[in-house]
Amino acid sequence: MIFSHYASWIGGSAALLTTIAFLPQAYKSYKTRDLSGISLPMYSILTLGVALWMIYGILISDWPLIVSNSITLCSSIVILSLKILQVKNGAPENT
């Protein structure tokens, strides 16, 4: 029982930290529109992976997984969308 408590606390902390880790980059990218250091292939793969984690959470009804990956997905979609727009507008792509 004690182990389960620690495991839940560690899992919740990991979900919180990895979720909020994307927020500063999404905010900075949105405000400055500077995505020169962002890799389009990397963020495409990352966004797909986060979406799959969210779907997995839905399939197993794991709310912490669903919520944390939903927030992360929104943040990574902002960054990915801005990067795609930048590349479409002729900015050089850093891979």
PDB file of N, CA and C in Angstrom:
ATOM      1  N   MET A   1       0.822  -1.193   0.000  1.00  0.00           N
ATOM      2  CA  MET A   1       0.000   0.000   0.000  1.00  0.00           C
ATOM      3  C   MET A   1       0.864   1.255   0.000  1.00  0.00           C
ATOM      4  N   ILE A   2       1.930   1.272   0.807  1.00  0.00           N
ATOM      5  CA  ILE A   2       2.818   2.431   0.854  1.00  0.00           C
ATOM      6  C   ILE A   2       3.507   2.611  -0.491  1.00  0.00           C
ATOM      7  N   PHE A   3       3.951   1.494  -1.107  1.00  0.00           N
ATOM      8  CA  PHE A   3       4.602   1.568  -2.407  1.00  0.00           C
ATOM      9  C   PHE A   3       3.665   2.181  -3.438  1.00  0.00           C
ATOM     10  N   SER A   4       2.415   1.796  -3.412  1.00  0.00           N
ATOM     11  CA  SER A   4       1.421   2.326  -4.347  1.00  0.00           C
ATOM     12  C   SER A   4       1.264   3.832  -4.183  1.00  0.00           C
ATOM     13  N   HIS A   5       1.296   4.302  -2.942  1.00  0.00           N
ATOM     14  CA  HIS A   5       1.185   5.739  -2.680  1.00  0.00           C
ATOM     15  C   HIS A   5       2.359   6.485  -3.309  1.00  0.00           C
ATOM     16  N   TYR A   6       3.578   5.971  -3.102  1.00  0.00           N
ATOM     17  CA  TYR A   6       4.763   6.613  -3.681  1.00  0.00           C
ATOM     18  C   TYR A   6       4.741   6.546  -5.202  1.00  0.00           C
ATOM     19  N   ALA A   7       4.320   5.416  -5.744  1.00  0.00           N
ATOM     20  CA  ALA A   7       4.252   5.263  -7.194  1.00  0.00           C
ATOM     21  C   ALA A   7       3.278   6.268  -7.795  1.00  0.00           C
ATOM     22  N   SER A   8       2.141   6.473  -7.156  1.00  0.00           N
ATOM     23  CA  SER A   8       1.167   7.453  -7.642  1.00  0.00           C
ATOM     24  C   SER A   8       1.725   8.867  -7.561  1.00  0.00           C
ATOM     25  N   TRP A   9       2.422   9.170  -6.482  1.00  0.00           N
ATOM     26  CA  TRP A   9       3.009  10.500  -6.311  1.00  0.00           C
ATOM     27  C   TRP A   9       4.087  10.750  -7.356  1.00  0.00           C
ATOM     28  N   ILE A  10       4.940   9.761  -7.589  1.00  0.00           N
ATOM     29  CA  ILE A  10       6.004   9.890  -8.590  1.00  0.00           C
ATOM     30  C   ILE A  10       5.403  10.019  -9.988  1.00  0.00           C
ATOM     31  N   GLY A  11       4.410   9.212 -10.293  1.00  0.00           N
ATOM     32  CA  GLY A  11       3.752   9.292 -11.600  1.00  0.00           C
ATOM     33  C   GLY A  11       3.070  10.626 -11.824  1.00  0.00           C
ATOM     34  N   GLY A  12       2.387  11.115 -10.811  1.00  0.00           N
ATOM     35  CA  GLY A  12       1.726  12.420 -10.919  1.00  0.00           C
ATOM     36  C   GLY A  12       2.721  13.553 -11.080  1.00  0.00           C
ATOM     37  N   SER A  13       3.818  13.479 -10.349  1.00  0.00           N
ATOM     38  CA  SER A  13       4.865  14.503 -10.458  1.00  0.00           C
ATOM     39  C   SER A  13       5.501  14.487 -11.845  1.00  0.00           C
ATOM     40  N   ALA A  14       5.776  13.297 -12.361  1.00  0.00           N
ATOM     41  CA  ALA A  14       6.355  13.173 -13.701  1.00  0.00           C
ATOM     42  C   ALA A  14       5.403  13.732 -14.754  1.00  0.00           C
ATOM     43  N   ALA A  15       4.127  13.421 -14.636  1.00  0.00           N
ATOM     44  CA  ALA A  15       3.138  13.936 -15.587  1.00  0.00           C
ATOM     45  C   ALA A  15       3.065  15.456 -15.529  1.00  0.00           C
ATOM     46  N   LEU A  16       3.062  16.009 -14.329  1.00  0.00           N
ATOM     47  CA  LEU A  16       3.005  17.461 -14.170  1.00  0.00           C
ATOM     48  C   LEU A  16       4.234  18.133 -14.776  1.00  0.00           C
ATOM     49  N   LEU A  17       5.410  17.630 -14.449  1.00  0.00           N
ATOM     50  CA  LEU A  17       6.645  18.251 -14.933  1.00  0.00           C
ATOM     51  C   LEU A  17       6.792  18.154 -16.448  1.00  0.00           C
ATOM     52  N   THR A  18       6.504  16.992 -17.019  1.00  0.00           N
ATOM     53  CA  THR A  18       6.634  16.867 -18.471  1.00  0.00           C
ATOM     54  C   THR A  18       5.567  17.663 -19.205  1.00  0.00           C
ATOM     55  N   THR A  19       4.431  17.856 -18.581  1.00  0.00           N
ATOM     56  CA  THR A  19       3.379  18.668 -19.192  1.00  0.00           C
ATOM     57  C   THR A  19       3.753  20.139 -19.191  1.00  0.00           C
ATOM     58  N   ILE A  20       4.176  20.661 -18.049  1.00  0.00           N
ATOM     59  CA  ILE A  20       4.490  22.094 -17.990  1.00  0.00           C
ATOM     60  C   ILE A  20       5.802  22.419 -18.701  1.00  0.00           C
ATOM     61  N   ALA A  21       6.622  21.415 -18.998  1.00  0.00           N
ATOM     62  CA  ALA A  21       7.883  21.654 -19.701  1.00  0.00           C
ATOM     63  C   ALA A  21       7.657  22.260 -21.085  1.00  0.00           C
ATOM     64  N   PHE A  22       6.539  21.966 -21.714  1.00  0.00           N
ATOM     65  CA  PHE A  22       6.260  22.478 -23.053  1.00  0.00           C
ATOM     66  C   PHE A  22       5.688  23.889 -23.044  1.00  0.00           C
ATOM     67  N   LEU A  23       5.133  24.310 -21.941  1.00  0.00           N
ATOM     68  CA  LEU A  23       4.465  25.611 -21.897  1.00  0.00           C
ATOM     69  C   LEU A  23       5.397  26.795 -22.155  1.00  0.00           C
ATOM     70  N   PRO A  24       6.592  26.860 -21.566  1.00  0.00           N
ATOM     71  CA  PRO A  24       7.463  28.007 -21.858  1.00  0.00           C
ATOM     72  C   PRO A  24       7.847  28.105 -23.337  1.00  0.00           C
ATOM     73  N   GLN A  25       8.126  26.958 -23.980  1.00  0.00           N
ATOM     74  CA  GLN A  25       8.490  26.986 -25.401  1.00  0.00           C
ATOM     75  C   GLN A  25       7.304  27.406 -26.257  1.00  0.00           C
ATOM     76  N   ALA A  26       6.124  26.903 -25.936  1.00  0.00           N
ATOM     77  CA  ALA A  26       4.932  27.287 -26.694  1.00  0.00           C
ATOM     78  C   ALA A  26       4.672  28.782 -26.551  1.00  0.00           C
ATOM     79  N   TYR A  27       4.794  29.304 -25.350  1.00  0.00           N
ATOM     80  CA  TYR A  27       4.574  30.733 -25.102  1.00  0.00           C
ATOM     81  C   TYR A  27       5.607  31.576 -25.847  1.00  0.00           C
ATOM     82  N   LYS A  28       6.879  31.199 -25.721  1.00  0.00           N
ATOM     83  CA  LYS A  28       7.947  31.955 -26.384  1.00  0.00           C
ATOM     84  C   LYS A  28       7.781  31.907 -27.902  1.00  0.00           C
ATOM     85  N   SER A  29       7.473  30.744 -28.439  1.00  0.00           N
ATOM     86  CA  SER A  29       7.292  30.604 -29.884  1.00  0.00           C
ATOM     87  C   SER A  29       6.128  31.446 -30.377  1.00  0.00           C
ATOM     88  N   TYR A  30       5.051  31.447 -29.618  1.00  0.00           N
ATOM     89  CA  TYR A  30       3.871  32.224 -30.001  1.00  0.00           C
ATOM     90  C   TYR A  30       4.154  33.723 -29.953  1.00  0.00           C
ATOM     91  N   LYS A  31       4.813  34.182 -28.901  1.00  0.00           N
ATOM     92  CA  LYS A  31       5.072  35.618 -28.721  1.00  0.00           C
ATOM     93  C   LYS A  31       6.119  36.149 -29.696  1.00  0.00           C
ATOM     94  N   THR A  32       7.212  35.412 -29.876  1.00  0.00           N
ATOM     95  CA  THR A  32       8.323  35.918 -30.692  1.00  0.00           C
ATOM     96  C   THR A  32       8.246  35.474 -32.148  1.00  0.00           C
ATOM     97  N   ARG A  33       7.507  34.422 -32.409  1.00  0.00           N
ATOM     98  CA  ARG A  33       7.436  33.815 -33.743  1.00  0.00           C
ATOM     99  C   ARG A  33       8.818  33.361 -34.234  1.00  0.00           C
ATOM    100  N   ASP A  34       9.756  33.200 -33.309  1.00  0.00           N
ATOM    101  CA  ASP A  34      11.097  32.726 -33.648  1.00  0.00           C
ATOM    102  C   ASP A  34      11.169  31.232 -33.384  1.00  0.00           C
ATOM    103  N   LEU A  35      11.158  30.465 -34.450  1.00  0.00           N
ATOM    104  CA  LEU A  35      11.233  29.010 -34.332  1.00  0.00           C
ATOM    105  C   LEU A  35      12.462  28.475 -35.048  1.00  0.00           C
ATOM    106  N   SER A  36      13.471  29.302 -35.188  1.00  0.00           N
ATOM    107  CA  SER A  36      14.667  28.915 -35.934  1.00  0.00           C
ATOM    108  C   SER A  36      15.373  27.710 -35.316  1.00  0.00           C
ATOM    109  N   GLY A  37      15.245  27.523 -34.034  1.00  0.00           N
ATOM    110  CA  GLY A  37      15.893  26.393 -33.375  1.00  0.00           C
ATOM    111  C   GLY A  37      15.014  25.168 -33.229  1.00  0.00           C
ATOM    112  N   ILE A  38      13.822  25.203 -33.802  1.00  0.00           N
ATOM    113  CA  ILE A  38      12.869  24.100 -33.683  1.00  0.00           C
ATOM    114  C   ILE A  38      12.971  23.200 -34.912  1.00  0.00           C
ATOM    115  N   SER A  39      13.096  21.913 -34.708  1.00  0.00           N
ATOM    116  CA  SER A  39      13.171  20.939 -35.794  1.00  0.00           C
ATOM    117  C   SER A  39      11.763  20.461 -36.154  1.00  0.00           C
ATOM    118  N   LEU A  40      11.371  20.667 -37.409  1.00  0.00           N
ATOM    119  CA  LEU A  40      10.046  20.231 -37.865  1.00  0.00           C
ATOM    120  C   LEU A  40       9.878  18.711 -37.773  1.00  0.00           C
ATOM    121  N   PRO A  41      10.846  17.915 -38.237  1.00  0.00           N
ATOM    122  CA  PRO A  41      10.665  16.460 -38.098  1.00  0.00           C
ATOM    123  C   PRO A  41      10.552  16.013 -36.634  1.00  0.00           C
ATOM    124  N   MET A  42      11.368  16.594 -35.763  1.00  0.00           N
ATOM    125  CA  MET A  42      11.331  16.208 -34.349  1.00  0.00           C
ATOM    126  C   MET A  42       9.983  16.540 -33.731  1.00  0.00           C
ATOM    127  N   TYR A  43       9.477  17.755 -33.974  1.00  0.00           N
ATOM    128  CA  TYR A  43       8.201  18.135 -33.370  1.00  0.00           C
ATOM    129  C   TYR A  43       7.027  17.390 -33.992  1.00  0.00           C
ATOM    130  N   SER A  44       7.148  16.998 -35.266  1.00  0.00           N
ATOM    131  CA  SER A  44       6.100  16.190 -35.894  1.00  0.00           C
ATOM    132  C   SER A  44       6.009  14.826 -35.223  1.00  0.00           C
ATOM    133  N   ILE A  45       7.155  14.201 -35.030  1.00  0.00           N
ATOM    134  CA  ILE A  45       7.195  12.883 -34.385  1.00  0.00           C
ATOM    135  C   ILE A  45       6.738  12.981 -32.932  1.00  0.00           C
ATOM    136  N   LEU A  46       7.209  13.999 -32.239  1.00  0.00           N
ATOM    137  CA  LEU A  46       6.831  14.199 -30.841  1.00  0.00           C
ATOM    138  C   LEU A  46       5.320  14.391 -30.700  1.00  0.00           C
ATOM    139  N   THR A  47       4.741  15.226 -31.550  1.00  0.00           N
ATOM    140  CA  THR A  47       3.301  15.499 -31.482  1.00  0.00           C
ATOM    141  C   THR A  47       2.496  14.233 -31.749  1.00  0.00           C
ATOM    142  N   LEU A  48       2.921  13.444 -32.723  1.00  0.00           N
ATOM    143  CA  LEU A  48       2.246  12.173 -32.996  1.00  0.00           C
ATOM    144  C   LEU A  48       2.352  11.235 -31.794  1.00  0.00           C
ATOM    145  N   GLY A  49       3.527  11.160 -31.186  1.00  0.00           N
ATOM    146  CA  GLY A  49       3.711  10.313 -30.007  1.00  0.00           C
ATOM    147  C   GLY A  49       2.835  10.734 -28.844  1.00  0.00           C
ATOM    148  N   VAL A  50       2.749  12.035 -28.599  1.00  0.00           N
ATOM    149  CA  VAL A  50       1.904  12.546 -27.510  1.00  0.00           C
ATOM    150  C   VAL A  50       0.435  12.242 -27.797  1.00  0.00           C
ATOM    151  N   ALA A  51       0.029  12.395 -29.059  1.00  0.00           N
ATOM    152  CA  ALA A  51      -1.356  12.077 -29.428  1.00  0.00           C
ATOM    153  C   ALA A  51      -1.655  10.599 -29.170  1.00  0.00           C
ATOM    154  N   LEU A  52      -0.712   9.744 -29.501  1.00  0.00           N
ATOM    155  CA  LEU A  52      -0.910   8.310 -29.258  1.00  0.00           C
ATOM    156  C   LEU A  52      -0.967   7.986 -27.769  1.00  0.00           C
ATOM    157  N   TRP A  53      -0.149   8.667 -26.951  1.00  0.00           N
ATOM    158  CA  TRP A  53      -0.229   8.483 -25.496  1.00  0.00           C
ATOM    159  C   TRP A  53      -1.602   8.901 -24.981  1.00  0.00           C
ATOM    160  N   MET A  54      -2.124  10.001 -25.511  1.00  0.00           N
ATOM    161  CA  MET A  54      -3.443  10.463 -25.091  1.00  0.00           C
ATOM    162  C   MET A  54      -4.520   9.436 -25.476  1.00  0.00           C
ATOM    163  N   ILE A  55      -4.441   8.929 -26.702  1.00  0.00           N
ATOM    164  CA  ILE A  55      -5.402   7.910 -27.149  1.00  0.00           C
ATOM    165  C   ILE A  55      -5.294   6.658 -26.280  1.00  0.00           C
ATOM    166  N   TYR A  56      -4.075   6.256 -25.976  1.00  0.00           N
ATOM    167  CA  TYR A  56      -3.867   5.106 -25.091  1.00  0.00           C
ATOM    168  C   TYR A  56      -4.518   5.353 -23.731  1.00  0.00           C
ATOM    169  N   GLY A  57      -4.338   6.548 -23.190  1.00  0.00           N
ATOM    170  CA  GLY A  57      -4.965   6.903 -21.915  1.00  0.00           C
ATOM    171  C   GLY A  57      -6.479   6.803 -21.980  1.00  0.00           C
ATOM    172  N   ILE A  58      -7.038   7.244 -23.105  1.00  0.00           N
ATOM    173  CA  ILE A  58      -8.493   7.150 -23.290  1.00  0.00           C
ATOM    174  C   ILE A  58      -8.923   5.683 -23.322  1.00  0.00           C
ATOM    175  N   LEU A  59      -8.179   4.870 -24.056  1.00  0.00           N
ATOM    176  CA  LEU A  59      -8.540   3.456 -24.193  1.00  0.00           C
ATOM    177  C   LEU A  59      -8.497   2.699 -22.872  1.00  0.00           C
ATOM    178  N   ILE A  60      -7.580   3.090 -21.981  1.00  0.00           N
ATOM    179  CA  ILE A  60      -7.493   2.395 -20.688  1.00  0.00           C
ATOM    180  C   ILE A  60      -8.138   3.201 -19.559  1.00  0.00           C
ATOM    181  N   SER A  61      -8.778   4.313 -19.906  1.00  0.00           N
ATOM    182  CA  SER A  61      -9.475   5.181 -18.941  1.00  0.00           C
ATOM    183  C   SER A  61      -8.557   5.664 -17.820  1.00  0.00           C
ATOM    184  N   ASP A  62      -7.376   6.113 -18.187  1.00  0.00           N
ATOM    185  CA  ASP A  62      -6.400   6.625 -17.219  1.00  0.00           C
ATOM    186  C   ASP A  62      -6.407   8.147 -17.288  1.00  0.00           C
ATOM    187  N   TRP A  63      -7.136   8.784 -16.360  1.00  0.00           N
ATOM    188  CA  TRP A  63      -7.328  10.234 -16.405  1.00  0.00           C
ATOM    189  C   TRP A  63      -6.046  11.045 -16.294  1.00  0.00           C
ATOM    190  N   PRO A  64      -5.101  10.691 -15.428  1.00  0.00           N
ATOM    191  CA  PRO A  64      -3.855  11.469 -15.412  1.00  0.00           C
ATOM    192  C   PRO A  64      -3.126  11.437 -16.760  1.00  0.00           C
ATOM    193  N   LEU A  65      -3.133  10.290 -17.412  1.00  0.00           N
ATOM    194  CA  LEU A  65      -2.513  10.161 -18.728  1.00  0.00           C
ATOM    195  C   LEU A  65      -3.266  10.989 -19.766  1.00  0.00           C
ATOM    196  N   ILE A  66      -4.574  10.964 -19.708  1.00  0.00           N
ATOM    197  CA  ILE A  66      -5.396  11.724 -20.652  1.00  0.00           C
ATOM    198  C   ILE A  66      -5.179  13.221 -20.471  1.00  0.00           C
ATOM    199  N   VAL A  67      -5.275  13.696 -19.244  1.00  0.00           N
ATOM    200  CA  VAL A  67      -5.171  15.140 -18.977  1.00  0.00           C
ATOM    201  C   VAL A  67      -3.779  15.661 -19.305  1.00  0.00           C
ATOM    202  N   SER A  68      -2.753  14.982 -18.809  1.00  0.00           N
ATOM    203  CA  SER A  68      -1.393  15.484 -19.032  1.00  0.00           C
ATOM    204  C   SER A  68      -1.037  15.488 -20.514  1.00  0.00           C
ATOM    205  N   ASN A  69      -1.415  14.448 -21.232  1.00  0.00           N
ATOM    206  CA  ASN A  69      -1.090  14.408 -22.653  1.00  0.00           C
ATOM    207  C   ASN A  69      -1.980  15.316 -23.489  1.00  0.00           C
ATOM    208  N   SER A  70      -3.185  15.599 -23.037  1.00  0.00           N
ATOM    209  CA  SER A  70      -4.030  16.573 -23.735  1.00  0.00           C
ATOM    210  C   SER A  70      -3.406  17.962 -23.675  1.00  0.00           C
ATOM    211  N   ILE A  71      -2.927  18.343 -22.501  1.00  0.00           N
ATOM    212  CA  ILE A  71      -2.291  19.655 -22.337  1.00  0.00           C
ATOM    213  C   ILE A  71      -0.993  19.710 -23.138  1.00  0.00           C
ATOM    214  N   THR A  72      -0.188  18.655 -23.052  1.00  0.00           N
ATOM    215  CA  THR A  72       1.062  18.602 -23.806  1.00  0.00           C
ATOM    216  C   THR A  72       0.787  18.635 -25.303  1.00  0.00           C
ATOM    217  N   LEU A  73      -0.246  17.930 -25.742  1.00  0.00           N
ATOM    218  CA  LEU A  73      -0.605  17.919 -27.159  1.00  0.00           C
ATOM    219  C   LEU A  73      -0.969  19.317 -27.640  1.00  0.00           C
ATOM    220  N   CYS A  74      -1.740  20.039 -26.855  1.00  0.00           N
ATOM    221  CA  CYS A  74      -2.099  21.416 -27.234  1.00  0.00           C
ATOM    222  C   CYS A  74      -0.853  22.288 -27.373  1.00  0.00           C
ATOM    223  N   SER A  75       0.060  22.186 -26.431  1.00  0.00           N
ATOM    224  CA  SER A  75       1.296  22.977 -26.482  1.00  0.00           C
ATOM    225  C   SER A  75       2.144  22.604 -27.691  1.00  0.00           C
ATOM    226  N   SER A  76       2.287  21.320 -27.943  1.00  0.00           N
ATOM    227  CA  SER A  76       3.127  20.908 -29.067  1.00  0.00           C
ATOM    228  C   SER A  76       2.464  21.218 -30.408  1.00  0.00           C
ATOM    229  N   ILE A  77       1.130  21.214 -30.465  1.00  0.00           N
ATOM    230  CA  ILE A  77       0.436  21.604 -31.696  1.00  0.00           C
ATOM    231  C   ILE A  77       0.664  23.079 -31.995  1.00  0.00           C
ATOM    232  N   VAL A  78       0.675  23.923 -30.962  1.00  0.00           N
ATOM    233  CA  VAL A  78       0.961  25.350 -31.164  1.00  0.00           C
ATOM    234  C   VAL A  78       2.339  25.511 -31.795  1.00  0.00           C
ATOM    235  N   ILE A  79       3.336  24.878 -31.208  1.00  0.00           N
ATOM    236  CA  ILE A  79       4.705  24.997 -31.710  1.00  0.00           C
ATOM    237  C   ILE A  79       4.812  24.417 -33.120  1.00  0.00           C
ATOM    238  N   LEU A  80       4.247  23.238 -33.335  1.00  0.00           N
ATOM    239  CA  LEU A  80       4.308  22.588 -34.640  1.00  0.00           C
ATOM    240  C   LEU A  80       3.601  23.422 -35.707  1.00  0.00           C
ATOM    241  N   SER A  81       2.440  23.960 -35.386  1.00  0.00           N
ATOM    242  CA  SER A  81       1.697  24.786 -36.348  1.00  0.00           C
ATOM    243  C   SER A  81       2.474  26.035 -36.729  1.00  0.00           C
ATOM    244  N   LEU A  82       3.056  26.694 -35.737  1.00  0.00           N
ATOM    245  CA  LEU A  82       3.854  27.886 -36.023  1.00  0.00           C
ATOM    246  C   LEU A  82       5.060  27.538 -36.889  1.00  0.00           C
ATOM    247  N   LYS A  83       5.687  26.405 -36.632  1.00  0.00           N
ATOM    248  CA  LYS A  83       6.844  25.983 -37.425  1.00  0.00           C
ATOM    249  C   LYS A  83       6.426  25.673 -38.856  1.00  0.00           C
ATOM    250  N   ILE A  84       5.308  24.983 -39.037  1.00  0.00           N
ATOM    251  CA  ILE A  84       4.816  24.667 -40.383  1.00  0.00           C
ATOM    252  C   ILE A  84       4.514  25.951 -41.145  1.00  0.00           C
ATOM    253  N   LEU A  85       3.867  26.911 -40.494  1.00  0.00           N
ATOM    254  CA  LEU A  85       3.587  28.197 -41.143  1.00  0.00           C
ATOM    255  C   LEU A  85       4.873  28.913 -41.520  1.00  0.00           C
ATOM    256  N   GLN A  86       5.856  28.857 -40.653  1.00  0.00           N
ATOM    257  CA  GLN A  86       7.140  29.501 -40.929  1.00  0.00           C
ATOM    258  C   GLN A  86       7.801  28.875 -42.161  1.00  0.00           C
ATOM    259  N   VAL A  87       7.796  27.555 -42.250  1.00  0.00           N
ATOM    260  CA  VAL A  87       8.404  26.864 -43.386  1.00  0.00           C
ATOM    261  C   VAL A  87       7.623  27.162 -44.666  1.00  0.00           C
ATOM    262  N   LYS A  88       6.289  27.176 -44.589  1.00  0.00           N
ATOM    263  CA  LYS A  88       5.467  27.482 -45.765  1.00  0.00           C
ATOM    264  C   LYS A  88       5.698  28.900 -46.272  1.00  0.00           C
ATOM    265  N   ASN A  89       6.032  29.804 -45.371  1.00  0.00           N
ATOM    266  CA  ASN A  89       6.273  31.195 -45.752  1.00  0.00           C
ATOM    267  C   ASN A  89       7.700  31.430 -46.235  1.00  0.00           C
ATOM    268  N   GLY A  90       8.458  30.362 -46.395  1.00  0.00           N
ATOM    269  CA  GLY A  90       9.778  30.478 -46.989  1.00  0.00           C
ATOM    270  C   GLY A  90      10.943  30.579 -46.039  1.00  0.00           C
ATOM    271  N   ALA A  91      10.707  30.507 -44.760  1.00  0.00           N
ATOM    272  CA  ALA A  91      11.821  30.555 -43.810  1.00  0.00           C
ATOM    273  C   ALA A  91      12.617  29.258 -43.917  1.00  0.00           C
ATOM    274  N   PRO A  92      13.929  29.340 -43.806  1.00  0.00           N
ATOM    275  CA  PRO A  92      14.719  28.104 -43.885  1.00  0.00           C
ATOM    276  C   PRO A  92      14.388  27.177 -42.720  1.00  0.00           C
ATOM    277  N   GLU A  93      14.355  25.886 -43.024  1.00  0.00           N
ATOM    278  CA  GLU A  93      14.029  24.906 -41.985  1.00  0.00           C
ATOM    279  C   GLU A  93      15.298  24.330 -41.401  1.00  0.00           C
ATOM    280  N   ASN A  94      15.403  24.360 -40.095  1.00  0.00           N
ATOM    281  CA  ASN A  94      16.510  23.705 -39.398  1.00  0.00           C
ATOM    282  C   ASN A  94      16.047  22.322 -39.015  1.00  0.00           C
ATOM    283  N   THR A  95      16.750  21.301 -39.477  1.00  0.00           N
ATOM    284  CA  THR A  95      16.348  19.933 -39.144  1.00  0.00           C
ATOM    285  C   THR A  95      17.233  19.328 -38.113  1.00  0.00           C
TER     286      THR A  95
END
